[in-house]
Amino acid sequence: MLRLIVYLIFSNLIFSSEFRFGVDNFMSSNLKEYKGRNVALITNQTGVDKNLHSTVDLFKENLNLVKLFSPEHGIAGVVPAGEKVASGSKNSIEVVSLYGKNRKMLPKMLQGIDVLIYDIQDIGCRSYTYISTLRYSMEAANQAGIEFVVLDRPIPYNGDIIDGNILEDGFYSFIGSLNIPYVYGMTPGELALYIKDNLNLKNLKLKIVKMSGYRRKLGYRQLGVDWVQPSPHIPYPESSLFYTITGILGELDLIWEGVGWTTPFQAVGSPWIDGYELAKEINGKVDGIKFAPFSCIPFYGDFKGVPVSGVKLYTDENFSEPFYSSLVILTAIQKLYPEKNFLDYDEGRMFEKATGTGEIKKLIKEGKSADYIYGWYQEGLSTWKDERSRFLLYQDN
């Protein structure tokens, strides 16, 4: 009898710690609540359960799924960044693009819909457009009086990493639609709670279907679940973290951020950069990251067929300062190659939109150090940490 009791207790501990996505818990615990209701799903190829079953297929088999909405890159995640996505159909269900003619849901798109459900894997970075789709969809649901459900998913890396300045008023865009840091440290469900509160969506009935067995310091590799890339150049969970470091550099026309080679967002370079010189300048300045000299000839993209030199990035478990790392690289390039005026090559002010301010470009051009700029945004980051704590659904324990 004692053996049986011990076995049951031990088995319960294992089961309770097993990781499950929000969609897994929805299918096991919330399905009956939505039977007979007209459901619309905001999703893409990342909408899968723990066994890689598509949320679209699960909903089509078990619910009255009447419409799909897709973000940037499309329902299958194959459209290149920045390109408009056409509407269409999937599994005989209408797919409405939210990255085409319209990036916000029109009232007519929501006619006959009882509940909107959001299931998309994000990467925890402000400039990644899925959070703008989340924001605008929540606003549309609030206006239409439709329930909004978020099936929660992990941050791909340590979810307590927070870094970067707060986006300023006057710099709103689809790659920056919220006054949050560049790396904000929230799951989609936690961010949805913040959006509802911050944007005063009083009429919105919001439900978060939490994950289970999630510890926020653990990334995808440690959680033991399969990675479905959320966009063409985020092939691995680690790519998400590299994006938070080099994504803003890629907004500058003269800088290459690894896209077009086998190292998307894991490298930085240019035809006129000396990789050995840059690596020597920046190594040892940020804990948990190393920079190795690197050269290649990209297969495609803006630098197709052009030899580039720069550095490749390697991080370890101690790494926690992605935006600061961006600044270390940017200020080093400015110091080594001032005659290139590389910060002036910012078509459409995309760099300023991504950083959410005009101040960072200005400070770098003035010759200010990465440490100086880091100190400049600490007050806002400290305020954010306090604000963020009110919406966290998961703790490490």
Protein backbone atom coordinates (compact mmCIF):
# COMPACT_ATOMS: atom_id res chain seq x y z
CA MET A 1 0.00 0.00 0.00
CA LEU A 2 2.83 2.40 0.90
CA ARG A 3 4.51 1.66 -2.42
CA LEU A 4 1.29 2.50 -4.25
CA ILE A 5 0.91 5.81 -2.39
CA VAL A 6 4.52 6.78 -3.14
CA TYR A 7 4.03 5.81 -6.80
CA LEU A 8 0.86 7.90 -7.12
CA ILE A 9 2.49 10.95 -5.53
CA PHE A 10 5.57 10.62 -7.76
CA SER A 11 3.44 10.13 -10.87
CA ASN A 12 1.40 13.20 -10.04
CA LEU A 13 4.53 15.30 -9.67
CA ILE A 14 5.77 14.18 -13.09
CA PHE A 15 2.41 14.82 -14.72
CA SER A 16 2.01 18.25 -13.14
CA SER A 17 5.43 19.32 -14.39
CA GLU A 18 4.90 18.09 -17.96
CA PHE A 19 5.00 20.98 -20.37
CA ARG A 20 1.85 21.70 -22.38
CA PHE A 21 1.08 24.56 -24.75
CA GLY A 22 -2.04 26.66 -24.27
CA VAL A 23 -3.68 24.83 -27.16
CA ASP A 24 -3.08 21.46 -25.44
CA ASN A 25 -4.85 22.70 -22.33
CA PHE A 26 -7.62 24.28 -24.39
CA MET A 27 -8.38 21.00 -26.14
CA SER A 28 -8.45 19.06 -22.88
CA SER A 29 -10.22 21.57 -20.62
CA ASN A 30 -11.94 24.37 -22.55
CA LEU A 31 -13.34 22.75 -25.68
CA LYS A 32 -16.89 22.23 -24.41
CA GLU A 33 -17.23 25.92 -23.57
CA TYR A 34 -16.89 26.86 -27.23
CA LYS A 35 -18.96 24.13 -28.84
CA GLY A 36 -21.72 25.57 -31.00
CA ARG A 37 -20.12 29.02 -31.25
CA ASN A 38 -18.73 30.59 -34.43
CA VAL A 39 -14.98 30.63 -33.95
CA ALA A 40 -12.34 32.59 -35.89
CA LEU A 41 -8.68 31.71 -35.44
CA ILE A 42 -5.71 34.06 -35.78
CA THR A 43 -2.79 31.77 -36.52
CA ASN A 44 -0.06 30.54 -38.84
CA GLN A 45 2.13 27.45 -39.17
CA THR A 46 3.27 27.78 -35.52
CA GLY A 47 -0.24 27.02 -34.28
CA VAL A 48 0.36 23.39 -33.29
CA ASP A 49 -0.05 21.29 -30.16
CA LYS A 50 2.72 19.42 -28.39
CA ASN A 51 2.45 16.58 -30.92
CA LEU A 52 2.62 18.99 -33.89
CA HIS A 53 -1.07 18.65 -34.71
CA SER A 54 -2.29 21.84 -36.39
CA THR A 55 -4.61 24.03 -34.33
CA VAL A 56 -6.54 24.66 -37.55
CA ASP A 57 -7.16 20.93 -37.99
CA LEU A 58 -8.01 20.43 -34.31
CA PHE A 59 -10.53 23.26 -34.41
CA LYS A 60 -12.03 22.17 -37.72
CA GLU A 61 -12.65 18.68 -36.31
CA ASN A 62 -14.04 19.83 -32.95
CA LEU A 63 -15.47 23.36 -33.30
CA ASN A 64 -17.43 25.49 -35.74
CA LEU A 65 -14.36 27.14 -37.28
CA VAL A 66 -15.69 29.75 -39.71
CA LYS A 67 -12.69 31.95 -40.55
CA LEU A 68 -8.91 32.22 -40.30
CA PHE A 69 -6.79 35.35 -39.99
CA SER A 70 -3.07 35.31 -40.86
CA PRO A 71 -0.23 37.68 -39.83
CA GLU A 72 2.91 38.77 -41.71
CA HIS A 73 4.49 35.91 -43.70
CA GLY A 74 1.07 34.32 -44.27
CA ILE A 75 -0.81 31.32 -42.95
CA ALA A 76 2.07 29.01 -43.93
CA GLY A 77 4.86 31.40 -42.94
CA VAL A 78 6.56 31.40 -46.34
CA VAL A 79 6.11 34.99 -47.56
CA PRO A 80 9.32 37.07 -47.20
CA ALA A 81 9.49 39.80 -44.57
CA GLY A 82 7.74 43.02 -45.51
CA GLU A 83 5.92 41.60 -48.54
CA LYS A 84 2.14 41.89 -48.64
CA VAL A 85 0.24 38.68 -47.97
CA ALA A 86 -2.83 37.82 -50.03
CA SER A 87 -6.02 36.41 -48.56
CA GLY A 88 -7.11 32.95 -49.63
CA SER A 89 -8.24 29.68 -48.08
CA LYS A 90 -6.90 26.74 -46.08
CA ASN A 91 -8.69 23.43 -45.68
CA SER A 92 -11.75 25.00 -47.34
CA ILE A 93 -11.82 27.79 -44.75
CA GLU A 94 -11.49 31.46 -45.69
CA VAL A 95 -8.16 33.03 -44.74
CA VAL A 96 -8.12 36.82 -44.29
CA SER A 97 -4.70 38.44 -44.44
CA LEU A 98 -3.80 40.95 -41.75
CA TYR A 99 -0.65 41.93 -43.63
CA GLY A 100 -2.05 42.97 -46.97
CA LYS A 101 -4.49 45.68 -47.93
CA ASN A 102 -5.59 45.80 -44.30
CA ARG A 103 -3.51 45.28 -41.17
CA LYS A 104 -6.47 45.80 -38.90
CA MET A 105 -9.72 43.87 -38.87
CA LEU A 106 -12.63 45.76 -40.37
CA PRO A 107 -16.03 45.42 -38.67
CA LYS A 108 -17.41 43.52 -41.67
CA MET A 109 -14.69 40.89 -41.25
CA LEU A 110 -16.08 40.01 -37.82
CA GLN A 111 -19.72 39.67 -38.77
CA GLY A 112 -21.14 36.35 -37.58
CA ILE A 113 -18.14 35.60 -35.34
CA ASP A 114 -18.68 34.88 -31.63
CA VAL A 115 -15.09 34.44 -30.47
CA LEU A 116 -11.61 35.27 -31.75
CA ILE A 117 -8.82 32.88 -30.73
CA TYR A 118 -5.12 33.76 -31.10
CA ASP A 119 -2.49 31.01 -31.41
CA ILE A 120 0.86 32.21 -32.77
CA GLN A 121 4.40 31.60 -31.56
CA ASP A 122 6.18 34.88 -30.91
CA ILE A 123 9.81 35.74 -30.13
CA GLY A 124 9.50 38.39 -27.41
CA CYS A 125 10.86 41.31 -29.46
CA ARG A 126 9.01 44.58 -30.03
CA SER A 127 9.85 44.88 -33.74
CA TYR A 128 8.47 41.42 -34.58
CA THR A 129 5.08 42.26 -36.08
CA TYR A 130 2.95 39.51 -34.55
CA ILE A 131 2.44 41.60 -31.42
CA SER A 132 1.02 44.43 -33.54
CA THR A 133 -1.42 41.92 -35.02
CA LEU A 134 -2.29 40.85 -31.47
CA ARG A 135 -2.87 44.45 -30.38
CA TYR A 136 -5.03 45.45 -33.33
CA SER A 137 -7.05 42.23 -33.18
CA MET A 138 -7.79 42.81 -29.51
CA GLU A 139 -8.92 46.35 -30.28
CA ALA A 140 -11.21 45.06 -33.04
CA ALA A 141 -12.70 42.44 -30.71
CA ASN A 142 -13.24 45.08 -28.03
CA GLN A 143 -15.07 47.34 -30.48
CA ALA A 144 -17.20 44.47 -31.80
CA GLY A 145 -18.00 43.00 -28.38
CA ILE A 146 -16.42 39.66 -29.29
CA GLU A 147 -14.63 37.44 -26.78
CA PHE A 148 -10.86 37.17 -27.31
CA VAL A 149 -8.89 34.07 -26.30
CA VAL A 150 -5.09 33.71 -26.29
CA LEU A 151 -3.62 30.21 -26.36
CA ASP A 152 -0.33 30.93 -24.65
CA ARG A 153 3.14 29.94 -25.87
CA PRO A 154 6.66 30.22 -24.43
CA ILE A 155 9.26 32.86 -25.03
CA PRO A 156 11.86 30.88 -27.04
CA TYR A 157 14.74 31.83 -24.72
CA ASN A 158 15.05 32.95 -21.08
CA GLY A 159 11.78 34.79 -20.52
CA ASP A 160 13.24 37.07 -17.89
CA ILE A 161 15.57 38.80 -20.36
CA ILE A 162 14.47 42.44 -20.63
CA ASP A 163 16.51 45.09 -22.42
CA GLY A 164 16.21 48.23 -24.51
CA ASN A 165 14.53 51.60 -24.42
CA ILE A 166 10.80 52.18 -24.24
CA LEU A 167 9.25 53.10 -27.60
CA GLU A 168 8.48 56.81 -27.64
CA ASP A 169 5.32 58.55 -28.80
CA GLY A 170 5.84 59.71 -32.37
CA PHE A 171 7.64 56.52 -33.43
CA TYR A 172 4.67 54.20 -33.75
CA SER A 173 4.66 51.80 -36.69
CA PHE A 174 3.76 48.20 -37.39
CA ILE A 175 7.23 47.23 -36.09
CA GLY A 176 6.60 49.24 -32.94
CA SER A 177 3.01 49.68 -31.81
CA LEU A 178 3.40 49.53 -28.03
CA ASN A 179 5.31 51.59 -25.45
CA ILE A 180 7.40 48.65 -24.27
CA PRO A 181 11.14 47.85 -24.32
CA TYR A 182 12.72 46.26 -27.39
CA VAL A 183 12.97 42.95 -25.49
CA TYR A 184 10.02 42.97 -23.10
CA GLY A 185 10.02 39.57 -21.33
CA MET A 186 6.39 38.47 -21.75
CA THR A 187 4.55 35.53 -23.26
CA PRO A 188 1.71 36.37 -25.72
CA GLY A 189 -0.82 35.80 -22.94
CA GLU A 190 0.98 38.10 -20.51
CA LEU A 191 1.35 40.76 -23.18
CA ALA A 192 -2.36 40.51 -23.97
CA LEU A 193 -3.15 41.26 -20.32
CA TYR A 194 -0.88 44.30 -20.50
CA ILE A 195 -2.47 45.47 -23.77
CA LYS A 196 -5.97 45.26 -22.34
CA ASP A 197 -4.97 47.28 -19.30
CA ASN A 198 -2.70 49.78 -21.04
CA LEU A 199 -5.07 50.50 -23.92
CA ASN A 200 -8.10 50.56 -21.61
CA LEU A 201 -10.06 47.89 -23.49
CA LYS A 202 -12.83 47.86 -20.89
CA ASN A 203 -15.39 46.00 -22.98
CA LEU A 204 -13.08 43.17 -23.97
CA LYS A 205 -13.80 39.76 -22.52
CA LEU A 206 -10.25 38.36 -22.50
CA LYS A 207 -9.35 34.79 -21.64
CA ILE A 208 -5.79 33.44 -21.44
CA VAL A 209 -5.41 29.69 -21.69
CA LYS A 210 -2.16 29.19 -19.84
CA MET A 211 0.60 26.72 -20.51
CA SER A 212 1.37 24.15 -17.86
CA GLY A 213 4.80 23.01 -16.74
CA TYR A 214 6.33 26.25 -18.03
CA ARG A 215 9.27 27.84 -16.25
CA ARG A 216 10.04 31.21 -17.75
CA LYS A 217 13.83 30.91 -17.58
CA LEU A 218 13.66 27.81 -19.77
CA GLY A 219 13.74 28.14 -23.54
CA TYR A 220 12.41 25.73 -26.14
CA ARG A 221 15.43 23.44 -25.94
CA GLN A 222 15.07 22.99 -22.18
CA LEU A 223 11.30 22.52 -22.39
CA GLY A 224 11.81 19.62 -24.77
CA VAL A 225 9.27 20.69 -27.40
CA ASP A 226 9.66 20.89 -31.16
CA TRP A 227 10.32 24.24 -32.80
CA VAL A 228 8.21 25.40 -35.73
CA GLN A 229 9.88 28.45 -37.23
CA PRO A 230 7.60 31.51 -36.99
CA SER A 231 9.09 33.21 -40.06
CA PRO A 232 11.52 32.26 -42.85
CA HIS A 233 14.64 33.54 -41.08
CA ILE A 234 13.97 32.21 -37.57
CA PRO A 235 14.85 28.55 -38.26
CA TYR A 236 15.86 27.65 -34.69
CA PRO A 237 14.88 28.82 -31.19
CA GLU A 238 18.31 30.43 -30.87
CA SER A 239 17.58 32.52 -33.98
CA SER A 240 14.97 34.37 -31.92
CA LEU A 241 17.60 35.56 -29.50
CA PHE A 242 20.02 36.52 -32.26
CA TYR A 243 17.21 38.55 -33.85
CA THR A 244 16.95 40.65 -30.68
CA ILE A 245 20.64 41.55 -31.12
CA THR A 246 21.04 42.13 -34.85
CA GLY A 247 17.51 42.83 -36.06
CA ILE A 248 17.89 46.60 -35.72
CA LEU A 249 21.25 46.55 -37.54
CA GLY A 250 19.56 44.91 -40.52
CA GLU A 251 17.34 48.00 -40.87
CA LEU A 252 20.42 49.96 -42.00
CA ASP A 253 21.05 49.59 -45.71
CA LEU A 254 24.85 49.27 -45.45
CA ILE A 255 24.85 46.57 -42.75
CA TRP A 256 24.32 42.83 -43.32
CA GLU A 257 22.63 40.88 -40.50
CA GLY A 258 23.21 37.30 -41.65
CA VAL A 259 20.11 36.95 -43.82
CA GLY A 260 20.97 35.36 -47.15
CA TRP A 261 23.45 32.88 -45.67
CA THR A 262 23.08 29.95 -43.27
CA THR A 263 23.41 32.33 -40.29
CA PRO A 264 20.27 34.51 -40.25
CA PHE A 265 20.65 37.15 -37.52
CA GLN A 266 23.71 35.35 -36.15
CA ALA A 267 26.21 37.48 -38.06
CA VAL A 268 26.90 41.16 -38.72
CA GLY A 269 29.05 42.53 -41.47
CA SER A 270 29.55 44.64 -44.59
CA PRO A 271 31.88 44.59 -47.62
CA TRP A 272 33.98 47.33 -45.98
CA ILE A 273 34.22 45.88 -42.45
CA ASP A 274 37.34 44.02 -41.29
CA GLY A 275 35.97 41.15 -39.22
CA TYR A 276 39.17 40.70 -37.23
CA GLU A 277 39.26 44.40 -36.38
CA LEU A 278 35.61 44.47 -35.32
CA ALA A 279 35.91 41.29 -33.23
CA LYS A 280 38.95 42.70 -31.43
CA GLU A 281 37.07 45.92 -30.68
CA ILE A 282 33.95 44.33 -29.17
CA ASN A 283 34.96 41.01 -27.59
CA GLY A 284 34.82 40.98 -23.81
CA LYS A 285 32.43 43.91 -23.54
CA VAL A 286 29.23 41.90 -22.94
CA ASP A 287 28.85 38.93 -20.61
CA GLY A 288 27.71 35.68 -22.19
CA ILE A 289 28.53 36.48 -25.82
CA LYS A 290 31.56 36.01 -28.08
CA PHE A 291 32.24 37.50 -31.48
CA ALA A 292 34.33 35.57 -34.00
CA PRO A 293 35.69 36.99 -37.29
CA PHE A 294 33.50 35.78 -40.14
CA SER A 295 33.33 36.12 -43.93
CA CYS A 296 30.98 34.79 -46.59
CA ILE A 297 29.28 35.55 -49.91
CA PRO A 298 25.50 35.64 -49.33
CA PHE A 299 23.32 33.47 -51.58
CA TYR A 300 20.44 35.95 -51.77
CA GLY A 301 19.14 39.25 -50.41
CA ASP A 302 20.56 42.76 -50.61
CA PHE A 303 24.14 41.49 -50.45
CA LYS A 304 23.73 38.58 -52.88
CA GLY A 305 27.05 37.66 -54.48
CA VAL A 306 28.95 40.35 -52.55
CA PRO A 307 31.78 39.26 -50.21
CA VAL A 308 31.07 40.50 -46.69
CA SER A 309 33.24 40.43 -43.59
CA GLY A 310 32.26 40.89 -39.98
CA VAL A 311 31.57 38.80 -36.90
CA LYS A 312 29.55 35.73 -36.02
CA LEU A 313 27.76 35.66 -32.64
CA TYR A 314 27.90 32.92 -30.00
CA THR A 315 25.90 33.19 -26.78
CA ASP A 316 25.79 31.08 -23.61
CA GLU A 317 23.42 30.67 -20.65
CA ASN A 318 24.80 33.81 -18.95
CA PHE A 319 23.74 36.11 -21.79
CA SER A 320 21.08 38.67 -20.85
CA GLU A 321 21.76 41.96 -22.67
CA PRO A 322 20.70 41.73 -26.33
CA PHE A 323 19.94 45.40 -26.95
CA TYR A 324 23.10 46.50 -25.19
CA SER A 325 24.97 44.07 -27.47
CA SER A 326 23.43 45.83 -30.48
CA LEU A 327 24.76 49.12 -29.15
CA VAL A 328 28.23 47.67 -28.60
CA ILE A 329 28.34 46.57 -32.24
CA LEU A 330 26.89 49.83 -33.60
CA THR A 331 29.19 52.12 -31.60
CA ALA A 332 32.21 50.00 -32.57
CA ILE A 333 31.37 50.29 -36.28
CA GLN A 334 30.93 54.04 -35.88
CA LYS A 335 34.30 54.29 -34.11
CA LEU A 336 36.18 52.15 -36.64
CA TYR A 337 34.56 53.45 -39.80
CA PRO A 338 33.29 57.03 -39.19
CA GLU A 339 33.80 57.98 -42.82
CA LYS A 340 31.13 55.48 -43.93
CA ASN A 341 28.30 57.45 -42.27
CA PHE A 342 26.42 54.14 -42.20
CA LEU A 343 23.68 55.44 -39.88
CA ASP A 344 22.54 57.86 -42.58
CA TYR A 345 21.53 54.95 -44.82
CA ASP A 346 18.17 54.35 -43.15
CA GLU A 347 15.55 54.15 -45.87
CA GLY A 348 12.11 54.95 -44.54
CA ARG A 349 13.63 55.65 -41.11
CA MET A 350 13.27 51.94 -40.42
CA PHE A 351 16.14 51.98 -37.91
CA GLU A 352 14.45 54.73 -35.93
CA LYS A 353 11.11 52.91 -36.10
CA ALA A 354 12.76 49.70 -34.88
CA THR A 355 14.59 51.41 -32.01
CA GLY A 356 11.47 53.44 -31.23
CA THR A 357 13.38 56.69 -30.90
CA GLY A 358 15.55 59.14 -32.81
CA GLU A 359 17.88 59.55 -29.84
CA ILE A 360 19.95 56.39 -30.27
CA LYS A 361 21.05 57.24 -33.81
CA LYS A 362 21.86 60.78 -32.66
CA LEU A 363 23.93 59.62 -29.68
CA ILE A 364 25.93 57.12 -31.73
CA LYS A 365 26.72 59.77 -34.37
CA GLU A 366 27.89 62.07 -31.57
CA GLY A 367 30.40 59.41 -30.52
CA LYS A 368 28.67 58.39 -27.29
CA SER A 369 29.61 54.96 -25.94
CA ALA A 370 27.35 51.92 -25.65
CA ASP A 371 27.58 52.27 -21.87
CA TYR A 372 26.39 55.87 -22.08
CA ILE A 373 23.36 54.91 -24.17
CA TYR A 374 22.70 51.94 -21.89
CA GLY A 375 22.54 54.33 -18.94
CA TRP A 376 20.25 56.67 -20.89
CA TYR A 377 17.45 54.09 -21.13
CA GLN A 378 17.73 52.50 -17.68
CA GLU A 379 15.12 54.66 -15.97
CA GLY A 380 12.45 53.65 -18.48
CA LEU A 381 13.51 50.03 -18.27
CA SER A 382 13.26 50.07 -14.48
CA THR A 383 9.72 51.48 -14.70
CA TRP A 384 8.83 48.75 -17.19
CA LYS A 385 10.05 46.00 -14.87
CA ASP A 386 7.65 47.20 -12.19
CA GLU A 387 4.79 47.52 -14.70
CA ARG A 388 5.49 44.11 -16.22
CA SER A 389 5.36 42.34 -12.86
CA ARG A 390 1.61 43.01 -12.60
CA PHE A 391 0.84 40.83 -15.62
CA LEU A 392 3.14 37.82 -15.23
CA LEU A 393 1.38 34.45 -15.22
CA TYR A 394 4.39 32.21 -14.62
CA GLN A 395 7.24 32.15 -12.15
CA ASP A 396 10.25 29.90 -11.74
CA ASN A 397 9.73 27.65 -8.75
